[in-house]
Amino acid sequence: MRRVRVRSSSLAAVGYDEAGRILEVEYRNGAVYQYFAVPPAVHLALMAAPSLGRHMNAYVKPVFRCRRVRAASA
């Protein structure tokens, strides 16, 4: 999935597959997670949020099932 770089102290890049409703997030530590059944409006709200990290912690992580795609770098 193609990710776009973002300005955030905790997130490095964000990708979204609208057809599959998968949000893919690369964190600054190198970890990559996919979040499932994410509506397009949630992706848009994340990208427009003043703090992407706070938005992830409040509205994405506690709500959507996820899986780790890549572990954090050592």
N, C-alpha and C. Protein backbone atom coordinates (compact mmCIF):
# COMPACT_ATOMS: atom_id res chain seq x y z
N MET A 1 0.85 -1.18 0.00
CA MET A 1 0.00 0.00 0.00
C MET A 1 0.90 1.24 0.00
N ARG A 2 0.52 2.20 -0.78
CA ARG A 2 1.26 3.45 -0.85
C ARG A 2 0.95 4.29 0.38
N ARG A 3 2.00 4.78 1.02
CA ARG A 3 1.83 5.66 2.19
C ARG A 3 2.36 7.03 1.86
N VAL A 4 1.77 8.05 2.47
CA VAL A 4 2.26 9.41 2.31
C VAL A 4 2.91 9.85 3.62
N ARG A 5 4.01 10.54 3.50
CA ARG A 5 4.71 11.08 4.67
C ARG A 5 3.84 12.11 5.35
N VAL A 6 3.89 12.13 6.67
CA VAL A 6 3.09 13.09 7.44
C VAL A 6 3.99 13.83 8.42
N ARG A 7 3.52 15.00 8.84
CA ARG A 7 4.23 15.78 9.86
C ARG A 7 3.67 15.40 11.21
N SER A 8 4.45 14.65 11.96
CA SER A 8 4.01 14.17 13.26
C SER A 8 5.24 13.73 14.04
N SER A 9 5.18 13.89 15.35
CA SER A 9 6.31 13.42 16.16
C SER A 9 6.26 11.91 16.40
N SER A 10 5.10 11.29 16.17
CA SER A 10 4.99 9.85 16.41
C SER A 10 4.72 9.03 15.15
N LEU A 11 4.10 9.62 14.15
CA LEU A 11 3.79 8.91 12.90
C LEU A 11 4.73 9.39 11.80
N ALA A 12 5.16 8.45 10.95
CA ALA A 12 6.03 8.79 9.83
C ALA A 12 5.24 8.88 8.52
N ALA A 13 4.28 7.95 8.34
CA ALA A 13 3.53 7.90 7.08
C ALA A 13 2.19 7.20 7.31
N VAL A 14 1.23 7.54 6.44
CA VAL A 14 -0.11 6.97 6.54
C VAL A 14 -0.57 6.57 5.14
N GLY A 15 -1.15 5.38 5.03
CA GLY A 15 -1.74 4.92 3.79
C GLY A 15 -3.17 4.50 4.03
N TYR A 16 -3.98 4.52 2.97
CA TYR A 16 -5.37 4.11 3.12
C TYR A 16 -5.85 3.43 1.86
N ASP A 17 -6.45 2.26 2.03
CA ASP A 17 -7.07 1.52 0.94
C ASP A 17 -8.58 1.64 1.14
N GLU A 18 -9.20 2.51 0.36
CA GLU A 18 -10.63 2.77 0.54
C GLU A 18 -11.47 1.54 0.23
N ALA A 19 -11.12 0.78 -0.80
CA ALA A 19 -11.90 -0.40 -1.16
C ALA A 19 -11.87 -1.44 -0.04
N GLY A 20 -10.70 -1.64 0.56
CA GLY A 20 -10.57 -2.62 1.63
C GLY A 20 -10.80 -2.03 3.01
N ARG A 21 -10.91 -0.70 3.08
CA ARG A 21 -11.09 0.03 4.35
C ARG A 21 -9.99 -0.30 5.35
N ILE A 22 -8.75 -0.29 4.81
CA ILE A 22 -7.57 -0.58 5.63
C ILE A 22 -6.74 0.69 5.77
N LEU A 23 -6.47 1.06 7.00
CA LEU A 23 -5.60 2.19 7.31
C LEU A 23 -4.25 1.61 7.72
N GLU A 24 -3.20 2.04 7.04
CA GLU A 24 -1.86 1.54 7.34
C GLU A 24 -1.03 2.70 7.88
N VAL A 25 -0.44 2.49 9.05
CA VAL A 25 0.31 3.55 9.72
C VAL A 25 1.73 3.09 9.99
N GLU A 26 2.68 3.89 9.55
CA GLU A 26 4.09 3.67 9.87
C GLU A 26 4.46 4.66 10.96
N TYR A 27 4.95 4.13 12.06
CA TYR A 27 5.35 4.96 13.19
C TYR A 27 6.82 5.36 13.05
N ARG A 28 7.21 6.40 13.74
CA ARG A 28 8.59 6.89 13.68
C ARG A 28 9.60 5.83 14.13
N ASN A 29 9.18 4.91 14.96
CA ASN A 29 10.10 3.86 15.43
C ASN A 29 10.27 2.73 14.41
N GLY A 30 9.61 2.85 13.26
CA GLY A 30 9.74 1.86 12.20
C GLY A 30 8.62 0.83 12.16
N ALA A 31 7.83 0.74 13.22
CA ALA A 31 6.72 -0.22 13.24
C ALA A 31 5.64 0.19 12.24
N VAL A 32 5.01 -0.82 11.64
CA VAL A 32 3.90 -0.59 10.71
C VAL A 32 2.71 -1.42 11.17
N TYR A 33 1.56 -0.79 11.26
CA TYR A 33 0.33 -1.46 11.66
C TYR A 33 -0.75 -1.20 10.62
N GLN A 34 -1.61 -2.19 10.43
CA GLN A 34 -2.81 -2.04 9.61
C GLN A 34 -4.03 -2.10 10.52
N TYR A 35 -4.93 -1.15 10.33
CA TYR A 35 -6.19 -1.08 11.08
C TYR A 35 -7.32 -1.40 10.10
N PHE A 36 -8.25 -2.25 10.54
CA PHE A 36 -9.27 -2.79 9.63
C PHE A 36 -10.66 -2.20 9.85
N ALA A 37 -11.44 -2.19 8.77
CA ALA A 37 -12.82 -1.70 8.76
C ALA A 37 -12.88 -0.22 9.13
N VAL A 38 -11.90 0.53 8.66
CA VAL A 38 -11.82 1.96 8.95
C VAL A 38 -12.58 2.73 7.86
N PRO A 39 -13.64 3.45 8.23
CA PRO A 39 -14.39 4.22 7.24
C PRO A 39 -13.55 5.36 6.66
N PRO A 40 -13.84 5.77 5.44
CA PRO A 40 -13.09 6.87 4.82
C PRO A 40 -13.11 8.15 5.67
N ALA A 41 -14.20 8.42 6.35
CA ALA A 41 -14.29 9.63 7.16
C ALA A 41 -13.27 9.62 8.30
N VAL A 42 -12.97 8.45 8.83
CA VAL A 42 -11.99 8.34 9.91
C VAL A 42 -10.59 8.64 9.36
N HIS A 43 -10.29 8.14 8.19
CA HIS A 43 -9.01 8.45 7.55
C HIS A 43 -8.89 9.94 7.28
N LEU A 44 -9.92 10.54 6.74
CA LEU A 44 -9.89 11.97 6.45
C LEU A 44 -9.73 12.80 7.72
N ALA A 45 -10.41 12.40 8.78
CA ALA A 45 -10.30 13.12 10.06
C ALA A 45 -8.88 13.01 10.61
N LEU A 46 -8.28 11.83 10.48
CA LEU A 46 -6.91 11.65 10.93
C LEU A 46 -5.97 12.59 10.18
N MET A 47 -6.09 12.62 8.88
CA MET A 47 -5.19 13.43 8.06
C MET A 47 -5.37 14.93 8.31
N ALA A 48 -6.56 15.33 8.76
CA ALA A 48 -6.84 16.74 9.03
C ALA A 48 -6.59 17.14 10.48
N ALA A 49 -6.29 16.17 11.33
CA ALA A 49 -6.15 16.44 12.76
C ALA A 49 -4.91 17.30 13.04
N PRO A 50 -5.01 18.21 14.02
CA PRO A 50 -3.85 19.02 14.38
C PRO A 50 -2.72 18.19 14.98
N SER A 51 -3.07 17.09 15.66
CA SER A 51 -2.07 16.17 16.21
C SER A 51 -2.45 14.75 15.77
N LEU A 52 -1.70 14.22 14.83
CA LEU A 52 -2.01 12.89 14.32
C LEU A 52 -1.85 11.82 15.39
N GLY A 53 -0.83 11.94 16.21
CA GLY A 53 -0.61 10.96 17.27
C GLY A 53 -1.74 10.93 18.28
N ARG A 54 -2.19 12.10 18.72
CA ARG A 54 -3.31 12.16 19.66
C ARG A 54 -4.59 11.62 19.03
N HIS A 55 -4.79 11.93 17.77
CA HIS A 55 -5.98 11.45 17.07
C HIS A 55 -5.95 9.92 16.97
N MET A 56 -4.79 9.35 16.63
CA MET A 56 -4.66 7.89 16.56
C MET A 56 -5.00 7.27 17.91
N ASN A 57 -4.45 7.84 18.97
CA ASN A 57 -4.65 7.28 20.32
C ASN A 57 -6.09 7.39 20.80
N ALA A 58 -6.79 8.42 20.36
CA ALA A 58 -8.16 8.65 20.83
C ALA A 58 -9.23 7.99 19.96
N TYR A 59 -9.02 7.99 18.63
CA TYR A 59 -10.10 7.60 17.73
C TYR A 59 -9.84 6.39 16.85
N VAL A 60 -8.62 5.92 16.80
CA VAL A 60 -8.32 4.78 15.93
C VAL A 60 -7.90 3.55 16.75
N LYS A 61 -6.84 3.68 17.52
CA LYS A 61 -6.31 2.53 18.26
C LYS A 61 -7.35 1.84 19.15
N PRO A 62 -8.15 2.60 19.92
CA PRO A 62 -9.09 1.90 20.81
C PRO A 62 -10.34 1.36 20.11
N VAL A 63 -10.51 1.68 18.84
CA VAL A 63 -11.76 1.35 18.15
C VAL A 63 -11.60 0.23 17.13
N PHE A 64 -10.50 0.24 16.38
CA PHE A 64 -10.36 -0.67 15.24
C PHE A 64 -9.36 -1.79 15.50
N ARG A 65 -9.72 -2.98 15.03
CA ARG A 65 -8.84 -4.14 15.12
C ARG A 65 -7.61 -3.87 14.25
N CYS A 66 -6.45 -4.35 14.70
CA CYS A 66 -5.24 -4.11 13.93
C CYS A 66 -4.33 -5.33 13.96
N ARG A 67 -3.33 -5.29 13.09
CA ARG A 67 -2.27 -6.28 13.11
C ARG A 67 -0.96 -5.58 12.78
N ARG A 68 0.10 -6.06 13.42
CA ARG A 68 1.42 -5.49 13.15
C ARG A 68 1.96 -6.10 11.87
N VAL A 69 2.41 -5.26 10.96
CA VAL A 69 2.99 -5.69 9.69
C VAL A 69 4.50 -5.76 9.80
N ARG A 70 5.06 -4.81 10.56
CA ARG A 70 6.51 -4.77 10.77
C ARG A 70 6.78 -4.30 12.19
N ALA A 71 7.73 -4.96 12.85
CA ALA A 71 8.09 -4.57 14.21
C ALA A 71 8.92 -3.31 14.21
N ALA A 72 8.99 -2.66 15.35
CA ALA A 72 9.80 -1.47 15.52
C ALA A 72 11.26 -1.80 15.30
N SER A 73 12.01 -0.82 14.82
CA SER A 73 13.44 -0.98 14.62
C SER A 73 14.14 -1.02 15.97
N ALA A 74 15.24 -1.71 15.99
CA ALA A 74 16.01 -1.83 17.25
C ALA A 74 16.72 -0.55 17.59
